[in-house]
Amino acid sequence: MSKLLNSKSFLIISLSLLSTVIIGCNRATSNNKASQETGNANNQEAYTAIPAVSLNNSVENTDETLIVATELINRQQGKEALAKLQGLEEKYPLITPYILLKQAKAYELEKNNQQATAVLQNILKEYPTSPASAEALYILGKANPKYWQQAIAQFPAHPRTQEIIRQQLSINPNQPRLMATLIKYNPGEPGIDKLIERLVSGYANQLTAEDWAAIADSYWLQWDYGKAGKAYAKAPVTARNLYRAARGYDLGKDKQLAKQYYLKLIQQFPDESDTGLGLRRLAVLVEKKEGLKYLDLAIQKFPTQAPAALLEKAEILDTLKSPESANKARQTLLIDYQDSETAAEYRWYVATQKAKKGELVTAWQWAQPIVINNPNSAIAPKAGFWIGKWAEKLNRPEDATTAYQSVLSRFPRSYYAWRSAVALGWNVGDFTTVRNQTPQVIKASRITPPGGSPIFQNLYKLGLESDAWAHFRTEISDKTSLTVAEEFTLSLWKLYQGKNLQGINKIWDLQNRDTPEDQQQWQQLRQTPEYWQALFPFPFEETILKWSQQRQLNPLLVTALIRQESRFEPEIESSAGALGLMQVMPPTAKNVAQEIGLTQYSLTNPEDNINIGTYYLNFTHQKYNNNSMLAVASYNAGPNAVEKWVSRYGLADVDQFVEQIPYRETKGYVESVFENYWNYMLIYNPEVGKLFESLRV
């Protein structure tokens, strides 16, 4: 099947570092850096809908009373709701406008429009800046359109206001200011690209620099970098916008304009962090000797860019036949920037080259510093695991065991932690047995977002989720940057909306925060079970469990594959035409439907998609004698390619086979699916959690 997500989207989730085995010693090297994975695997909290509350009159808890009142309103029982709401504003002064809103809605249900209007007017008078007023304006605007205009002017980001704007555009689509407002607060949302095209093609001369910035942001989020570059060129002149203009032109194959904007960035913002990366990008676009000048400037002025710039400098010097200078640059990288990701990548490159030649001791020596000096590197768990593999080949079983235990204890969330668990004999399913595993799957519980104002927190904890999220969305709308807690909370909102792709990716992108304070907050967040449960959500659980059981497939493996295929987006479509949760190609779906007698189906319907997708996944398992690694690889690359690889490389060492998969996308896909599977086991299966805890003790 053709896939939606290319290799740059694969999540090789590397957490904190494992200790490793030092050659000649049967022990693990420890370091003083705290493990990033201290979250209790048995604390099974995740983001799900709040459980239903009884509506009988015996409820005495005030928190539940408010929830019950909301349910009564939803059931059109205004009189009963008013009775429950009586006096609650005195008990909850922080959220009084929201309680008043519910009273107004209850009065409306009882046809007491005069009293409802009076309550709504009171909200506008007493709480004019509260996002609750946006809801009041929406209700009042049904009878008097002036209130809707006030909502647009005062609360443009509020979900109700967005609803107003969409409604007005459906009546009269030729309203550029409304179009620009919708784009600003919904970058990258489905359908926004078409709205942008209409706005740009019909009203470009009416757009402000801020409008172009919003348009550019949306293009950027959709990976349409060529258009993004052109839009950023018209946005306010900032270091970020100039860099993105340059990079957009660069990726859009307009190298001349890319160079112009990189130079503008360097000249106008010589000390901004974006400039450091811009120098490296520019070095690739110019003659090699000129490129060395820009790389030297990056090395001198921007410590975070220096490691990569040094390696790039070495590569240029190699092409210029200056091996001594090239080696000097590499040595500077390995000594002065030994804890950098670039140093880890270079060390791993050399280690793998040595291993290919059979020089396993030398490979071990090159890999060992990675796990010591680079605890936050994506390569660290991989290096630790292969140290274990090489130790086995060198007949060092005790060293191998220590290495695997170190990977598992220090990097419990990585693909290589799962491979280490398998090597240690844990009952977690190997490539040849995972299909038949039937792990217990526990229900996830509701979590409280860490960000937002006290009002938002109060609303959320009381179960008024819709009100809470509308409040949060409004209060962050004009912030130029969000804290880590706020960004994570925004991600939870996306998950709440069912926008799982955006939610998961936003959480993943938290690792790219560049200030020390943000990095510290991110590391702290990663130590909580809530972080991982949000990163690995379990939508469509009942449907997945149902069809997994029907096909005799491991339900967590199916979930892992869906997460990689579509990020749980039911209506998503790949560029090749694959559709839905399991990214099924229409011809494949047609054949499967005929096999199972399914006459009516839709690939964007979760039930149908998982039905058909699990049938095909079962087929790939049967084709490869229930080898899940080959089945998953075939699901991505097709059976013909997999058969060629098996014939070429053999399966004597399955880990080596995965390393040798020639399609970079498929190699990353296989690792990602099984890393996903492992994380779902850690989060939703209590037995694996207990095994992990026993190792930690």
Foldseek 3Di string as FASTA:
>chain_A
DAFFDFPVPFPQDWFFFFFAFDPPDLAGDDDDDDFLAQAQLQQFAEADADDDDDLDPPDDDLLVLQVSLVVCLVVLNLVSSLVSLPPVCVVPVLQNLVSLQSNLSSCVSVVNNVVSLVSLVVCCVPPVLFLSNLVSLLVVCVVPVVSLVVSCVRFLQFPSNLVVLVVVCVVPVPDLVSLLSNLQNQAQDPPNVVSLVCNCVPPVVPDALCSLQSVLRSCVSVVQLLSSLVSLVSHPDDLVSLLSVLVSCVVVVNLVVSLVSLVVSCVVPVQDQSNLVSLQVNLVSDDVVVNLVSLVSSLVRPVLSNLVSLQVNLVSCVVVVNNVSSVVSLVCNCPVVVQHLSVQVVLQVVLVVCVVVVNNVVSLVSLNSCSVRHRRHSCNLVSLQVNLVSCVVVVNNSSNLNSLLRSCQSGVLGLSVVVSCVVVPHPCDDLQGQFQDAFFFDDHHHDQQPDDDPSLSVCVVSSVPVVSVSSLSRVCSPPPDDALSSLLVVLSVCVVVVVQVVSLVSLVCLCVDDDPVSNVVNSNVSNHLHSLCSNQDQPPVVLLVVLSVVLSGHSLLVSLQLCLRPSQQLADARPVGQGGSNRHHVVQLVVQCVVVVPPDDDSSDVNSVSNSNSVQLSVLCVVVVNRNLRSQLCSHPNDVLSVVLCVVPNVPPVVVSLVPSPPSRSSSSSRSSSSSSSSSCSNTGVVVSVVSVVSND
